[in-house]
Protein backbone atom coordinates (compact mmCIF):
# COMPACT_ATOMS: atom_id res chain seq x y z
CA VAL A 1 -1.67 -9.67 12.70
CA ASP A 2 -3.17 -8.95 16.10
CA HIS A 3 -5.09 -5.81 15.14
CA ALA A 4 -7.22 -4.76 12.14
CA ILE A 5 -8.73 -1.27 12.34
CA SER A 6 -11.52 -0.55 9.87
CA VAL A 7 -11.65 2.87 8.17
CA ASN A 8 -13.85 4.49 5.54
CA SER A 9 -11.17 4.46 2.81
CA CYS A 10 -7.57 3.53 2.15
CA THR A 11 -6.79 7.26 2.01
CA SER A 12 -8.15 7.63 5.54
CA GLY A 13 -6.10 4.60 6.55
CA LEU A 14 -2.89 6.11 5.18
CA TYR A 15 -3.58 9.38 6.99
CA ALA A 16 -4.28 7.52 10.23
CA ALA A 17 -1.15 5.38 9.85
CA VAL A 18 1.12 8.38 9.27
CA GLY A 19 -0.47 10.10 12.25
CA ALA A 20 -0.11 7.02 14.44
CA ALA A 21 3.60 6.90 13.56
CA GLY A 22 3.97 10.31 15.19
CA VAL A 23 4.94 12.23 12.07
CA ALA A 24 5.32 15.92 12.88
CA PRO A 25 5.84 19.16 10.90
CA GLY A 26 9.15 19.09 9.04
CA ASP A 27 9.56 15.31 9.23
CA GLU A 28 10.18 13.45 6.00
CA VAL A 29 8.19 10.50 4.65
CA ILE A 30 9.79 8.44 1.89
CA CYS A 31 7.28 7.25 -0.70
CA SER A 32 6.93 6.24 -4.33
CA PRO A 33 6.54 8.70 -7.22
CA TYR A 34 4.57 6.03 -9.10
CA THR A 35 1.37 5.60 -7.09
CA MET A 36 -1.96 7.14 -6.21
CA ALA A 37 -1.71 10.65 -4.72
CA ALA A 38 -2.72 9.67 -1.16
CA SER A 39 0.58 7.82 -0.67
CA ALA A 40 2.25 11.24 -0.68
CA THR A 41 -0.50 13.53 0.61
CA ALA A 42 -0.71 11.49 3.82
CA ALA A 43 2.59 13.14 4.75
CA ILE A 44 1.41 16.60 3.75
CA ALA A 45 -1.70 16.20 5.94
CA PHE A 46 0.61 16.31 8.99
CA ASN A 47 2.78 19.12 7.57
CA ALA A 48 5.54 16.66 6.75
CA VAL A 49 7.51 16.44 3.51
CA PRO A 50 7.06 13.58 1.03
CA VAL A 51 10.41 12.48 -0.38
CA PHE A 52 10.26 10.43 -3.57
CA ALA A 53 12.55 7.43 -3.90
CA ASP A 54 12.84 5.80 -7.32
CA ILE A 55 11.18 2.55 -8.31
CA ASP A 56 12.59 -0.72 -9.57
CA PRO A 57 11.84 -0.64 -13.32
CA ALA A 58 11.04 -4.37 -13.28
CA THR A 59 8.50 -4.44 -10.42
CA TYR A 60 7.58 -0.72 -10.19
CA CYS A 61 8.05 -0.93 -6.40
CA LEU A 62 10.50 0.84 -4.10
CA THR A 63 13.56 -1.13 -3.00
CA ALA A 64 16.01 -0.77 -0.14
CA GLU A 65 18.61 0.36 -2.66
CA THR A 66 16.44 3.21 -3.96
CA ILE A 67 15.31 4.22 -0.47
CA ARG A 68 18.72 4.38 1.21
CA PRO A 69 20.02 7.55 -0.54
CA CYS A 70 16.83 9.39 0.47
CA ILE A 71 17.23 8.87 4.22
CA THR A 72 18.16 11.99 6.21
CA PRO A 73 18.07 12.88 9.92
CA ARG A 74 14.50 14.13 9.33
CA THR A 75 13.20 10.84 7.91
CA ARG A 76 10.51 9.28 10.09
CA VAL A 77 8.48 6.91 7.87
CA ILE A 78 8.78 4.79 4.72
CA ILE A 79 5.58 4.13 2.76
CA ALA A 80 6.24 1.05 0.62
CA VAL A 81 3.61 0.84 -2.12
CA HIS A 82 2.79 -2.66 -3.36
CA ILE A 83 1.86 -1.34 -6.78
CA PHE A 84 -0.35 -3.24 -9.25
CA GLY A 85 -0.75 -6.23 -6.90
CA GLN A 86 2.83 -7.26 -6.14
CA VAL A 87 4.51 -6.93 -2.76
CA ALA A 88 7.73 -4.91 -2.64
CA ASP A 89 10.90 -6.73 -1.56
CA MET A 90 10.19 -6.11 2.11
CA ASP A 91 12.93 -7.93 4.04
CA PRO A 92 15.73 -5.56 2.93
CA ILE A 93 13.39 -2.57 3.43
CA MET A 94 12.60 -3.66 7.00
CA ALA A 95 16.30 -4.20 7.74
CA LEU A 96 17.08 -0.71 6.46
CA ALA A 97 14.24 0.74 8.55
CA ALA A 98 15.54 -1.00 11.68
CA GLU A 99 18.99 0.40 11.00
CA HIS A 100 17.59 3.95 11.07
CA ASP A 101 14.71 3.45 13.54
CA LEU A 102 12.03 4.19 10.93
CA THR A 103 8.38 3.13 10.78
CA VAL A 104 7.31 1.24 7.66
CA ILE A 105 3.77 1.55 6.31
CA GLU A 106 2.71 -0.86 3.57
CA ASP A 107 0.35 0.74 1.06
CA ALA A 108 -1.33 -2.55 0.21
CA ALA A 109 -4.37 -1.01 -1.48
CA GLN A 110 -3.84 -3.07 -4.62
CA CYS A 111 -2.74 -6.41 -3.19
CA PRO A 112 -5.11 -8.09 -0.76
CA PHE A 113 -4.32 -11.80 -0.36
CA ALA A 114 -0.84 -11.34 -1.90
CA THR A 115 2.08 -13.00 -0.15
CA TYR A 116 5.82 -12.45 0.19
CA LYS A 117 7.95 -15.45 1.14
CA GLY A 118 4.81 -17.11 2.46
CA ARG A 119 3.75 -14.12 4.57
CA PRO A 120 0.71 -11.98 3.77
CA ALA A 121 0.91 -8.40 2.58
CA GLY A 122 -0.07 -6.02 5.37
CA GLY A 123 1.74 -8.08 7.98
CA LEU A 124 5.30 -7.32 6.88
CA GLY A 125 5.76 -3.71 8.00
CA HIS A 126 4.70 -1.90 11.16
CA MET A 127 1.31 -1.09 9.59
CA GLY A 128 -0.47 -2.16 6.40
CA VAL A 129 -3.27 -0.28 4.67
CA PHE A 130 -5.88 -1.86 2.37
CA SER A 131 -8.58 -0.46 0.09
CA PHE A 132 -12.14 -1.68 -0.40
CA ASN A 133 -13.33 0.88 -2.93
CA TYR A 134 -15.45 -0.20 -5.85
CA HIS A 135 -12.77 -1.21 -8.35
CA LYS A 136 -10.51 -3.18 -6.01
CA HIS A 137 -10.29 -6.99 -5.83
CA ILE A 138 -12.98 -7.04 -3.15
CA HIS A 139 -14.98 -3.95 -2.25
CA THR A 140 -17.59 -2.46 0.03
CA GLY A 141 -18.38 0.53 -2.19
CA GLU A 142 -15.96 2.56 -0.07
CA GLY A 143 -13.83 1.33 2.80
CA GLY A 144 -10.41 0.34 4.05
CA MET A 145 -8.49 -1.48 6.76
CA VAL A 146 -5.26 -0.83 8.66
CA THR A 147 -3.42 -3.85 10.04
CA THR A 148 -0.70 -3.90 12.70
CA GLY A 149 0.89 -6.21 15.21
CA ASP A 150 1.66 -3.31 17.57
CA ALA A 151 -0.92 -2.65 20.30
CA ARG A 152 0.25 0.94 20.81
CA LEU A 153 -0.09 1.75 17.12
CA ALA A 154 -3.49 0.04 17.05
CA GLU A 155 -4.73 2.26 19.87
CA ARG A 156 -3.44 5.39 18.16
CA LEU A 157 -5.10 4.33 14.90
CA GLN A 158 -8.41 3.82 16.69
CA LEU A 159 -8.17 7.23 18.33
CA ILE A 160 -7.30 9.06 15.12
CA ARG A 161 -10.17 7.25 13.38
CA ASN A 162 -12.73 8.55 15.85
CA HIS A 163 -11.93 12.17 16.85
CA ALA A 164 -9.57 10.89 19.59
CA GLU A 165 -12.66 11.06 21.80
CA ALA A 166 -11.64 8.08 23.88
CA VAL A 167 -8.77 10.04 25.45
CA VAL A 168 -9.95 10.71 29.01
CA GLY A 169 -8.15 11.28 32.26
CA LEU A 170 -8.45 7.76 33.60
CA LYS A 171 -7.17 6.18 30.37
CA GLY A 172 -3.65 7.27 31.18
CA VAL A 173 -2.74 8.33 27.64
CA ASP A 174 0.04 10.91 27.69
CA ASP A 175 1.17 10.77 24.05
CA LEU A 176 -1.21 13.23 22.43
CA VAL A 177 0.83 13.88 19.27
CA ASN A 178 -1.57 13.95 16.27
CA MET A 179 -4.50 13.18 18.55
CA ILE A 180 -6.83 15.76 16.98
CA GLY A 181 -8.61 12.86 15.34
CA PHE A 182 -10.96 12.56 12.39
CA ASN A 183 -14.18 10.84 11.38
CA PHE A 184 -12.68 7.89 9.53
CA ARG A 185 -15.12 5.21 10.73
CA LEU A 186 -16.42 2.44 8.45
CA GLY A 187 -20.21 2.03 8.53
CA GLU A 188 -21.98 -1.14 9.62
CA ILE A 189 -23.52 -1.74 6.19
CA GLU A 190 -20.14 -1.55 4.45
CA ALA A 191 -18.66 -3.84 7.10
CA ALA A 192 -21.36 -6.46 6.46
CA ILE A 193 -20.70 -6.30 2.72
CA GLY A 194 -16.97 -6.63 3.39
CA LEU A 195 -17.37 -9.78 5.47
CA SER A 196 -19.26 -11.39 2.59
CA GLN A 197 -16.69 -10.21 0.03
CA MET A 198 -13.77 -11.58 2.07
CA ALA A 199 -15.06 -15.11 1.63
CA LYS A 200 -14.98 -14.66 -2.16
CA GLY A 201 -11.48 -13.14 -2.20
CA PRO A 202 -9.29 -16.21 -2.80
CA ASP A 203 -11.43 -17.40 -5.73
CA LEU A 204 -11.45 -13.91 -7.29
CA ILE A 205 -7.65 -13.75 -7.01
CA ALA A 206 -7.24 -17.22 -8.51
CA ALA A 207 -9.40 -16.22 -11.49
CA ARG A 208 -7.26 -13.13 -12.13
CA GLN A 209 -4.06 -15.18 -11.94
CA ALA A 210 -5.46 -17.78 -14.34
CA ASN A 211 -6.50 -15.09 -16.82
CA VAL A 212 -3.04 -13.51 -16.70
CA ALA A 213 -1.36 -16.90 -17.22
CA HIS A 214 -3.55 -17.45 -20.30
CA LEU A 215 -2.76 -13.99 -21.66
CA GLU A 216 0.97 -14.23 -21.01
CA LYS A 217 1.19 -17.63 -22.70
CA ALA A 218 -0.11 -16.01 -25.88
CA LEU A 219 1.95 -12.81 -25.60
CA ASN A 220 5.25 -14.31 -24.47
CA GLY A 221 8.04 -13.73 -26.97
CA LEU A 222 6.36 -10.86 -28.82
CA PRO A 223 9.19 -8.46 -29.78
CA GLY A 224 9.15 -5.15 -27.93
CA LEU A 225 6.75 -6.33 -25.24
CA THR A 226 8.00 -6.97 -21.69
CA LEU A 227 5.69 -8.87 -19.37
CA PRO A 228 5.54 -7.85 -15.69
CA ALA A 229 8.27 -9.30 -13.49
CA VAL A 230 7.34 -11.15 -10.33
CA GLY A 231 9.86 -10.84 -7.51
CA GLU A 232 11.50 -13.88 -5.97
CA GLY A 233 9.35 -15.31 -3.21
CA SER A 234 6.35 -13.19 -4.21
CA ASP A 235 3.10 -13.90 -5.91
CA HIS A 236 1.14 -11.30 -7.89
CA VAL A 237 -2.58 -10.68 -7.51
CA TYR A 238 -2.80 -8.45 -10.63
CA TYR A 239 -4.79 -5.41 -9.72
CA VAL A 240 -3.19 -4.27 -13.00
CA HIS A 241 -1.37 -6.42 -15.54
CA ALA A 242 1.22 -3.78 -16.50
CA LEU A 243 3.16 -4.30 -19.75
CA ASP A 244 6.15 -2.37 -21.11
CA TRP A 245 5.99 -1.54 -24.83
CA ASP A 246 9.14 -0.52 -26.74
CA GLY A 247 7.96 1.42 -29.78
CA ALA A 248 11.50 1.77 -31.15
CA ALA A 249 12.03 -2.00 -31.19
CA THR A 250 8.75 -2.69 -32.97
CA GLY A 251 8.39 0.32 -35.24
CA VAL A 252 4.91 0.82 -33.77
CA PRO A 253 4.69 4.00 -31.66
CA ARG A 254 3.01 3.75 -28.30
CA ASP A 255 0.14 6.08 -29.25
CA LEU A 256 -0.66 4.00 -32.33
CA LEU A 257 -0.70 0.83 -30.24
CA VAL A 258 -3.05 2.44 -27.71
CA ARG A 259 -5.45 3.54 -30.45
CA ALA A 260 -5.41 0.06 -31.99
CA LEU A 261 -6.14 -1.58 -28.62
CA LYS A 262 -9.00 0.82 -28.00
């Protein structure tokens, strides 16, 4: 993408992205019910209404089919969460968004370096938001990044990040919606750590994928256990290796399994 705007957390990035999209009181933001809270509270921060679309039970991500019934005249934004490290099926989502003139924000907190049909996560929607907090694939202690190919959105993200202080008479900015601005800046020390971490990213991802392949080879075929699906054209960077357990099929209740694993 042409623009990458550093922020002090993915939560800050989501707030900035929703603000940059021009979300106003009473607007609706479609998001996932199966995610971290900030995916929804980013709408509430601008007095908008989060509307929960259902997830695909195979990938745990939103789909165009689950989003479509939730669209109303008040809908302004779709937040597509790439949960657990897999990119949502974005081409149909982007086509649906174009049909209704909606902005799409990728919540890519859990899938840096993931790809969809050969294209990187964070470059598929109008904006993508990444997390660098301490338990992500790569981290800076705390931190985040918002990516976009749109120069206007990039400018609005930069302004929201820094109190909108750069708005002055000679700049010629006349769209002041959501330009109160915050202190969402990433510090220089965290940025230096992040640059070092980025170089390690591909090897860290490859190690996760190799570990999952080893685990799935051993678990494959175990009755009652469903391994995570990987969508066509996608890879999976496994922030979480999520498994479905059917206690009825195995005669082993979920709680007993959890205690045994612990």
